[in-house]
């Protein structure tokens, strides 16, 4: 069992290096095995094909990120049941954003694979899929806010744009900034902008926005 675990780990390490260097599309299973000093038979013992190897490298980080976001959305819906909802509660969003950034930089190589090296795999549309999933959650949240605050319904176009903007914040960070420390330096201002933008979606109801800002 120990030898099997070590063999599988060698394949994952070698696979990550190959995918980072050449991208999924041009990565060679033969070179992965050669660099791991293993036979192709050993690779096929653990992984059905190249995509299965790639998925074994990137799926856990992606699932952990999705769970962070799922917990956040569940918390936001619970908050709507409270009578006091402050725009200044951006601090909660800031804490979640920091958690996302930390997780993405912890898996820095894996997210480079997902976002810049996944062409040709089933993960190449990952950002669009993430936006689609997140947008559905924001639709529920926006509709609940509309009912609670008697605010206008947020248009689908604007909600889609907002969701893309939020997701792209994190995509931009991890693909353009190698330093987690530098990313954190700019994160708070970005979250401020996003929270203000969320409330701006309900701007047609001036009393709603002004009231939230002055509440407390």
C-alpha atoms as a PDB file:
ATOM      1  CA  UNK A   1       0.000   0.000   0.000  1.00  0.00           C
ATOM      2  CA  UNK A   2       2.811   2.397   0.866  1.00  0.00           C
ATOM      3  CA  UNK A   3       4.526   1.753  -2.462  1.00  0.00           C
ATOM      4  CA  UNK A   4       1.273   2.365  -4.318  1.00  0.00           C
ATOM      5  CA  UNK A   5       0.771   5.687  -2.544  1.00  0.00           C
ATOM      6  CA  UNK A   6       4.333   6.727  -3.323  1.00  0.00           C
ATOM      7  CA  UNK A   7       3.977   5.718  -6.974  1.00  0.00           C
ATOM      8  CA  UNK A   8       0.728   7.635  -7.349  1.00  0.00           C
ATOM      9  CA  UNK A   9       2.279  10.690  -5.696  1.00  0.00           C
ATOM     10  CA  UNK A  10       5.270  10.579  -8.060  1.00  0.00           C
ATOM     11  CA  UNK A  11       2.881  10.551 -11.010  1.00  0.00           C
ATOM     12  CA  UNK A  12       0.939  13.505  -9.610  1.00  0.00           C
ATOM     13  CA  UNK A  13       4.110  15.522  -9.020  1.00  0.00           C
ATOM     14  CA  UNK A  14       5.477  14.733 -12.457  1.00  0.00           C
ATOM     15  CA  UNK A  15       2.075  15.385 -14.033  1.00  0.00           C
ATOM     16  CA  UNK A  16       1.776  18.789 -12.398  1.00  0.00           C
ATOM     17  CA  UNK A  17       5.194  19.821 -13.710  1.00  0.00           C
ATOM     18  CA  UNK A  18       4.359  18.625 -17.220  1.00  0.00           C
ATOM     19  CA  UNK A  19       0.968  20.330 -17.304  1.00  0.00           C
ATOM     20  CA  UNK A  20       2.430  23.587 -15.976  1.00  0.00           C
ATOM     21  CA  UNK A  21       5.154  23.504 -18.603  1.00  0.00           C
ATOM     22  CA  UNK A  22       3.144  22.469 -21.667  1.00  0.00           C
ATOM     23  CA  UNK A  23      -0.522  22.860 -20.763  1.00  0.00           C
ATOM     24  CA  UNK A  24      -3.045  20.033 -20.763  1.00  0.00           C
ATOM     25  CA  UNK A  25      -3.367  19.874 -24.542  1.00  0.00           C
ATOM     26  CA  UNK A  26       0.311  19.342 -25.278  1.00  0.00           C
ATOM     27  CA  UNK A  27       1.339  17.432 -22.157  1.00  0.00           C
ATOM     28  CA  UNK A  28       2.802  13.991 -22.837  1.00  0.00           C
ATOM     29  CA  UNK A  29       1.917  10.981 -20.711  1.00  0.00           C
ATOM     30  CA  UNK A  30       5.108   9.357 -21.893  1.00  0.00           C
ATOM     31  CA  UNK A  31       7.169  12.277 -20.593  1.00  0.00           C
ATOM     32  CA  UNK A  32       5.231  12.301 -17.332  1.00  0.00           C
ATOM     33  CA  UNK A  33       6.080   8.658 -16.777  1.00  0.00           C
ATOM     34  CA  UNK A  34       9.680   9.138 -17.897  1.00  0.00           C
ATOM     35  CA  UNK A  35      10.233  12.013 -15.464  1.00  0.00           C
ATOM     36  CA  UNK A  36       8.618   9.985 -12.687  1.00  0.00           C
ATOM     37  CA  UNK A  37      10.874   7.033 -13.618  1.00  0.00           C
ATOM     38  CA  UNK A  38       7.824   4.840 -14.090  1.00  0.00           C
ATOM     39  CA  UNK A  39       6.233   2.923 -16.934  1.00  0.00           C
ATOM     40  CA  UNK A  40       3.046   3.982 -18.725  1.00  0.00           C
ATOM     41  CA  UNK A  41       1.523   0.819 -17.312  1.00  0.00           C
ATOM     42  CA  UNK A  42       1.995   2.240 -13.826  1.00  0.00           C
ATOM     43  CA  UNK A  43       0.175   5.412 -14.841  1.00  0.00           C
ATOM     44  CA  UNK A  44      -2.785   3.518 -16.299  1.00  0.00           C
ATOM     45  CA  UNK A  45      -3.016   1.471 -13.118  1.00  0.00           C
ATOM     46  CA  UNK A  46      -3.981   4.656 -11.244  1.00  0.00           C
ATOM     47  CA  UNK A  47      -5.500   6.898 -13.922  1.00  0.00           C
ATOM     48  CA  UNK A  48      -7.796   6.048 -16.803  1.00  0.00           C
ATOM     49  CA  UNK A  49      -6.312   8.692 -19.088  1.00  0.00           C
ATOM     50  CA  UNK A  50      -4.612  12.089 -19.195  1.00  0.00           C
ATOM     51  CA  UNK A  51      -7.759  13.943 -18.131  1.00  0.00           C
ATOM     52  CA  UNK A  52      -8.172  11.696 -15.095  1.00  0.00           C
ATOM     53  CA  UNK A  53      -4.615  12.553 -14.052  1.00  0.00           C
ATOM     54  CA  UNK A  54      -5.260  16.256 -14.573  1.00  0.00           C
ATOM     55  CA  UNK A  55      -8.505  16.054 -12.600  1.00  0.00           C
ATOM     56  CA  UNK A  56      -6.753  14.318  -9.712  1.00  0.00           C
ATOM     57  CA  UNK A  57      -4.450  17.332  -9.457  1.00  0.00           C
ATOM     58  CA  UNK A  58      -7.018  20.134  -9.684  1.00  0.00           C
ATOM     59  CA  UNK A  59     -10.362  18.823  -8.399  1.00  0.00           C
ATOM     60  CA  UNK A  60      -9.713  18.992  -4.662  1.00  0.00           C
ATOM     61  CA  UNK A  61      -8.620  22.679  -4.709  1.00  0.00           C
ATOM     62  CA  UNK A  62     -11.607  23.533  -6.871  1.00  0.00           C
ATOM     63  CA  UNK A  63     -14.020  21.680  -4.587  1.00  0.00           C
ATOM     64  CA  UNK A  64     -12.587  23.377  -1.506  1.00  0.00           C
ATOM     65  CA  UNK A  65     -13.061  26.784  -3.124  1.00  0.00           C
ATOM     66  CA  UNK A  66     -16.637  25.969  -4.093  1.00  0.00           C
ATOM     67  CA  UNK A  67     -17.421  24.880  -0.538  1.00  0.00           C
ATOM     68  CA  UNK A  68     -16.128  28.197   0.837  1.00  0.00           C
ATOM     69  CA  UNK A  69     -18.445  30.043  -1.529  1.00  0.00           C
ATOM     70  CA  UNK A  70     -21.383  27.749  -0.752  1.00  0.00           C
ATOM     71  CA  UNK A  71     -20.992  28.417   2.950  1.00  0.00           C
ATOM     72  CA  UNK A  72     -20.853  32.148   2.280  1.00  0.00           C
ATOM     73  CA  UNK A  73     -24.038  32.148   0.225  1.00  0.00           C
ATOM     74  CA  UNK A  74     -25.868  30.116   2.864  1.00  0.00           C
ATOM     75  CA  UNK A  75     -24.744  32.644   5.471  1.00  0.00           C
ATOM     76  CA  UNK A  76     -25.931  35.568   3.340  1.00  0.00           C
ATOM     77  CA  UNK A  77     -29.387  34.035   3.017  1.00  0.00           C
ATOM     78  CA  UNK A  78     -29.545  33.504   6.765  1.00  0.00           C
ATOM     79  CA  UNK A  79     -28.595  37.145   7.323  1.00  0.00           C
ATOM     80  CA  UNK A  80     -31.526  38.307   5.228  1.00  0.00           C
ATOM     81  CA  UNK A  81     -33.815  36.910   7.895  1.00  0.00           C
ATOM     82  CA  UNK A  82     -32.445  39.516  10.289  1.00  0.00           C
ATOM     83  CA  UNK A  83     -34.076  42.939  10.414  1.00  0.00           C
ATOM     84  CA  UNK A  84     -30.741  44.750  10.419  1.00  0.00           C
ATOM     85  CA  UNK A  85     -28.563  44.467   7.343  1.00  0.00           C
ATOM     86  CA  UNK A  86     -25.781  47.004   7.095  1.00  0.00           C
ATOM     87  CA  UNK A  87     -23.826  48.054   4.059  1.00  0.00           C
ATOM     88  CA  UNK A  88     -20.942  48.417   6.476  1.00  0.00           C
ATOM     89  CA  UNK A  89     -21.037  44.650   6.967  1.00  0.00           C
ATOM     90  CA  UNK A  90     -18.559  44.539   4.099  1.00  0.00           C
ATOM     91  CA  UNK A  91     -16.119  43.297   6.766  1.00  0.00           C
ATOM     92  CA  UNK A  92     -17.804  39.901   6.636  1.00  0.00           C
ATOM     93  CA  UNK A  93     -17.392  39.826   2.861  1.00  0.00           C
ATOM     94  CA  UNK A  94     -13.794  40.927   3.280  1.00  0.00           C
ATOM     95  CA  UNK A  95     -13.097  38.013   5.617  1.00  0.00           C
ATOM     96  CA  UNK A  96     -14.589  35.565   3.116  1.00  0.00           C
ATOM     97  CA  UNK A  97     -12.572  37.141   0.295  1.00  0.00           C
ATOM     98  CA  UNK A  98      -9.387  36.735   2.332  1.00  0.00           C
ATOM     99  CA  UNK A  99     -10.271  33.095   2.910  1.00  0.00           C
ATOM    100  CA  UNK A 100     -10.724  32.590  -0.839  1.00  0.00           C
ATOM    101  CA  UNK A 101      -7.432  34.311  -1.646  1.00  0.00           C
ATOM    102  CA  UNK A 102      -5.551  32.259   0.945  1.00  0.00           C
ATOM    103  CA  UNK A 103      -7.004  29.029  -0.406  1.00  0.00           C
ATOM    104  CA  UNK A 104      -6.164  29.934  -4.012  1.00  0.00           C
ATOM    105  CA  UNK A 105      -2.585  30.869  -3.160  1.00  0.00           C
ATOM    106  CA  UNK A 106      -2.207  27.740  -1.037  1.00  0.00           C
ATOM    107  CA  UNK A 107      -2.991  25.839  -4.243  1.00  0.00           C
ATOM    108  CA  UNK A 108      -1.210  28.348  -6.462  1.00  0.00           C
ATOM    109  CA  UNK A 109       0.047  25.850  -9.060  1.00  0.00           C
ATOM    110  CA  UNK A 110      -3.270  24.042  -9.227  1.00  0.00           C
ATOM    111  CA  UNK A 111      -5.170  27.248  -9.941  1.00  0.00           C
ATOM    112  CA  UNK A 112      -2.617  28.216 -12.577  1.00  0.00           C
ATOM    113  CA  UNK A 113      -3.450  24.897 -14.222  1.00  0.00           C
ATOM    114  CA  UNK A 114      -7.180  25.478 -13.979  1.00  0.00           C
ATOM    115  CA  UNK A 115      -7.101  29.047 -15.241  1.00  0.00           C
ATOM    116  CA  UNK A 116      -4.269  29.093 -17.762  1.00  0.00           C
ATOM    117  CA  UNK A 117      -3.366  25.508 -18.728  1.00  0.00           C
ATOM    118  CA  UNK A 118      -6.662  23.615 -18.965  1.00  0.00           C
ATOM    119  CA  UNK A 119      -7.432  24.091 -22.678  1.00  0.00           C
ATOM    120  CA  UNK A 120      -8.547  20.793 -24.170  1.00  0.00           C
ATOM    121  CA  UNK A 121      -9.772  19.362 -20.866  1.00  0.00           C
ATOM    122  CA  UNK A 122     -13.229  19.414 -19.335  1.00  0.00           C
ATOM    123  CA  UNK A 123     -11.997  22.188 -17.047  1.00  0.00           C
ATOM    124  CA  UNK A 124     -11.290  24.734 -19.788  1.00  0.00           C
ATOM    125  CA  UNK A 125     -14.679  26.443 -19.245  1.00  0.00           C
ATOM    126  CA  UNK A 126     -14.289  26.380 -15.469  1.00  0.00           C
ATOM    127  CA  UNK A 127     -14.609  30.156 -15.018  1.00  0.00           C
ATOM    128  CA  UNK A 128     -17.837  30.338 -17.030  1.00  0.00           C
ATOM    129  CA  UNK A 129     -19.228  27.364 -15.130  1.00  0.00           C
ATOM    130  CA  UNK A 130     -18.317  28.979 -11.821  1.00  0.00           C
ATOM    131  CA  UNK A 131     -20.017  32.192 -12.913  1.00  0.00           C
ATOM    132  CA  UNK A 132     -23.146  30.275 -13.897  1.00  0.00           C
ATOM    133  CA  UNK A 133     -23.362  28.500 -10.547  1.00  0.00           C
ATOM    134  CA  UNK A 134     -22.670  31.684  -8.580  1.00  0.00           C
ATOM    135  CA  UNK A 135     -25.145  33.719 -10.608  1.00  0.00           C
ATOM    136  CA  UNK A 136     -27.960  31.317  -9.711  1.00  0.00           C
ATOM    137  CA  UNK A 137     -27.136  31.776  -6.038  1.00  0.00           C
ATOM    138  CA  UNK A 138     -27.073  35.555  -6.428  1.00  0.00           C
ATOM    139  CA  UNK A 139     -30.441  35.467  -8.169  1.00  0.00           C
ATOM    140  CA  UNK A 140     -31.934  33.812  -5.083  1.00  0.00           C
ATOM    141  CA  UNK A 141     -30.224  36.358  -2.841  1.00  0.00           C
ATOM    142  CA  UNK A 142     -31.234  39.324  -5.006  1.00  0.00           C
ATOM    143  CA  UNK A 143     -34.878  38.217  -5.187  1.00  0.00           C
ATOM    144  CA  UNK A 144     -34.979  37.727  -1.423  1.00  0.00           C
ATOM    145  CA  UNK A 145     -33.500  41.206  -0.954  1.00  0.00           C
ATOM    146  CA  UNK A 146     -36.087  42.653  -3.334  1.00  0.00           C
ATOM    147  CA  UNK A 147     -38.907  41.169  -1.263  1.00  0.00           C
ATOM    148  CA  UNK A 148     -37.455  42.136   2.091  1.00  0.00           C
ATOM    149  CA  UNK A 149     -36.473  45.691   1.157  1.00  0.00           C
ATOM    150  CA  UNK A 150     -39.290  46.341  -1.330  1.00  0.00           C
ATOM    151  CA  UNK A 151     -36.613  47.189  -3.873  1.00  0.00           C
ATOM    152  CA  UNK A 152     -36.817  46.793  -7.659  1.00  0.00           C
ATOM    153  CA  UNK A 153     -35.946  43.407  -9.126  1.00  0.00           C
ATOM    154  CA  UNK A 154     -32.349  43.279 -10.327  1.00  0.00           C
ATOM    155  CA  UNK A 155     -32.143  42.739 -14.086  1.00  0.00           C
ATOM    156  CA  UNK A 156     -30.629  39.470 -15.284  1.00  0.00           C
ATOM    157  CA  UNK A 157     -28.069  41.326 -17.382  1.00  0.00           C
ATOM    158  CA  UNK A 158     -26.795  43.351 -14.443  1.00  0.00           C
ATOM    159  CA  UNK A 159     -26.713  40.335 -12.147  1.00  0.00           C
ATOM    160  CA  UNK A 160     -24.688  38.405 -14.709  1.00  0.00           C
ATOM    161  CA  UNK A 161     -22.290  41.333 -15.061  1.00  0.00           C
ATOM    162  CA  UNK A 162     -21.899  41.639 -11.298  1.00  0.00           C
ATOM    163  CA  UNK A 163     -21.185  37.925 -10.901  1.00  0.00           C
ATOM    164  CA  UNK A 164     -18.579  38.024 -13.653  1.00  0.00           C
ATOM    165  CA  UNK A 165     -16.972  41.051 -11.993  1.00  0.00           C
ATOM    166  CA  UNK A 166     -16.713  39.262  -8.671  1.00  0.00           C
ATOM    167  CA  UNK A 167     -15.311  36.039 -10.101  1.00  0.00           C
ATOM    168  CA  UNK A 168     -12.875  37.937 -12.305  1.00  0.00           C
ATOM    169  CA  UNK A 169     -11.494  39.736  -9.257  1.00  0.00           C
ATOM    170  CA  UNK A 170     -10.100  36.463  -7.956  1.00  0.00           C
ATOM    171  CA  UNK A 171      -9.091  35.220 -11.412  1.00  0.00           C
ATOM    172  CA  UNK A 172      -7.147  38.437 -11.970  1.00  0.00           C
ATOM    173  CA  UNK A 173      -5.403  38.159  -8.616  1.00  0.00           C
ATOM    174  CA  UNK A 174      -4.144  34.609  -9.007  1.00  0.00           C
ATOM    175  CA  UNK A 175      -3.163  34.961 -12.674  1.00  0.00           C
ATOM    176  CA  UNK A 176      -1.520  38.403 -12.478  1.00  0.00           C
ATOM    177  CA  UNK A 177      -0.067  38.610  -8.979  1.00  0.00           C
ATOM    178  CA  UNK A 178       2.458  36.023  -7.846  1.00  0.00           C
ATOM    179  CA  UNK A 179       2.608  37.446  -4.327  1.00  0.00           C
ATOM    180  CA  UNK A 180      -0.195  36.613  -1.900  1.00  0.00           C
ATOM    181  CA  UNK A 181       0.969  39.491   0.285  1.00  0.00           C
ATOM    182  CA  UNK A 182       0.523  42.005  -2.541  1.00  0.00           C
ATOM    183  CA  UNK A 183      -2.864  40.539  -3.427  1.00  0.00           C
ATOM    184  CA  UNK A 184      -3.995  41.024   0.157  1.00  0.00           C
ATOM    185  CA  UNK A 185      -2.842  44.649   0.105  1.00  0.00           C
ATOM    186  CA  UNK A 186      -5.380  45.493  -2.595  1.00  0.00           C
ATOM    187  CA  UNK A 187      -8.187  43.154  -1.560  1.00  0.00           C
ATOM    188  CA  UNK A 188      -9.989  45.334   0.978  1.00  0.00           C
ATOM    189  CA  UNK A 189     -10.502  48.217  -1.461  1.00  0.00           C
ATOM    190  CA  UNK A 190     -11.786  45.770  -4.073  1.00  0.00           C
ATOM    191  CA  UNK A 191     -14.279  44.258  -1.643  1.00  0.00           C
ATOM    192  CA  UNK A 192     -15.456  47.767  -0.730  1.00  0.00           C
ATOM    193  CA  UNK A 193     -16.168  48.358  -4.417  1.00  0.00           C
ATOM    194  CA  UNK A 194     -17.995  45.056  -4.831  1.00  0.00           C
ATOM    195  CA  UNK A 195     -20.239  45.577  -1.809  1.00  0.00           C
ATOM    196  CA  UNK A 196     -21.075  49.106  -2.959  1.00  0.00           C
ATOM    197  CA  UNK A 197     -21.776  47.722  -6.433  1.00  0.00           C
ATOM    198  CA  UNK A 198     -24.173  45.116  -5.027  1.00  0.00           C
ATOM    199  CA  UNK A 199     -26.260  47.799  -3.361  1.00  0.00           C
ATOM    200  CA  UNK A 200     -26.022  49.933  -6.462  1.00  0.00           C
ATOM    201  CA  UNK A 201     -27.941  47.243  -8.316  1.00  0.00           C
ATOM    202  CA  UNK A 202     -30.948  48.355  -6.274  1.00  0.00           C
ATOM    203  CA  UNK A 203     -30.257  52.042  -6.898  1.00  0.00           C
ATOM    204  CA  UNK A 204     -33.667  52.642  -8.491  1.00  0.00           C
ATOM    205  CA  UNK A 205     -34.971  52.595  -4.946  1.00  0.00           C
ATOM    206  CA  UNK A 206     -33.045  55.537  -3.493  1.00  0.00           C
ATOM    207  CA  UNK A 207     -34.496  55.137  -0.026  1.00  0.00           C
ATOM    208  CA  UNK A 208     -33.222  51.574   0.130  1.00  0.00           C
ATOM    209  CA  UNK A 209     -29.627  52.477  -0.621  1.00  0.00           C
ATOM    210  CA  UNK A 210     -29.468  55.661   1.425  1.00  0.00           C
ATOM    211  CA  UNK A 211     -31.302  54.024   4.287  1.00  0.00           C
ATOM    212  CA  UNK A 212     -28.825  51.162   4.401  1.00  0.00           C
ATOM    213  CA  UNK A 213     -25.872  53.518   4.393  1.00  0.00           C
ATOM    214  CA  UNK A 214     -27.251  55.607   7.216  1.00  0.00           C
ATOM    215  CA  UNK A 215     -28.611  52.742   9.261  1.00  0.00           C
ATOM    216  CA  UNK A 216     -27.176  52.083  12.663  1.00  0.00           C
END
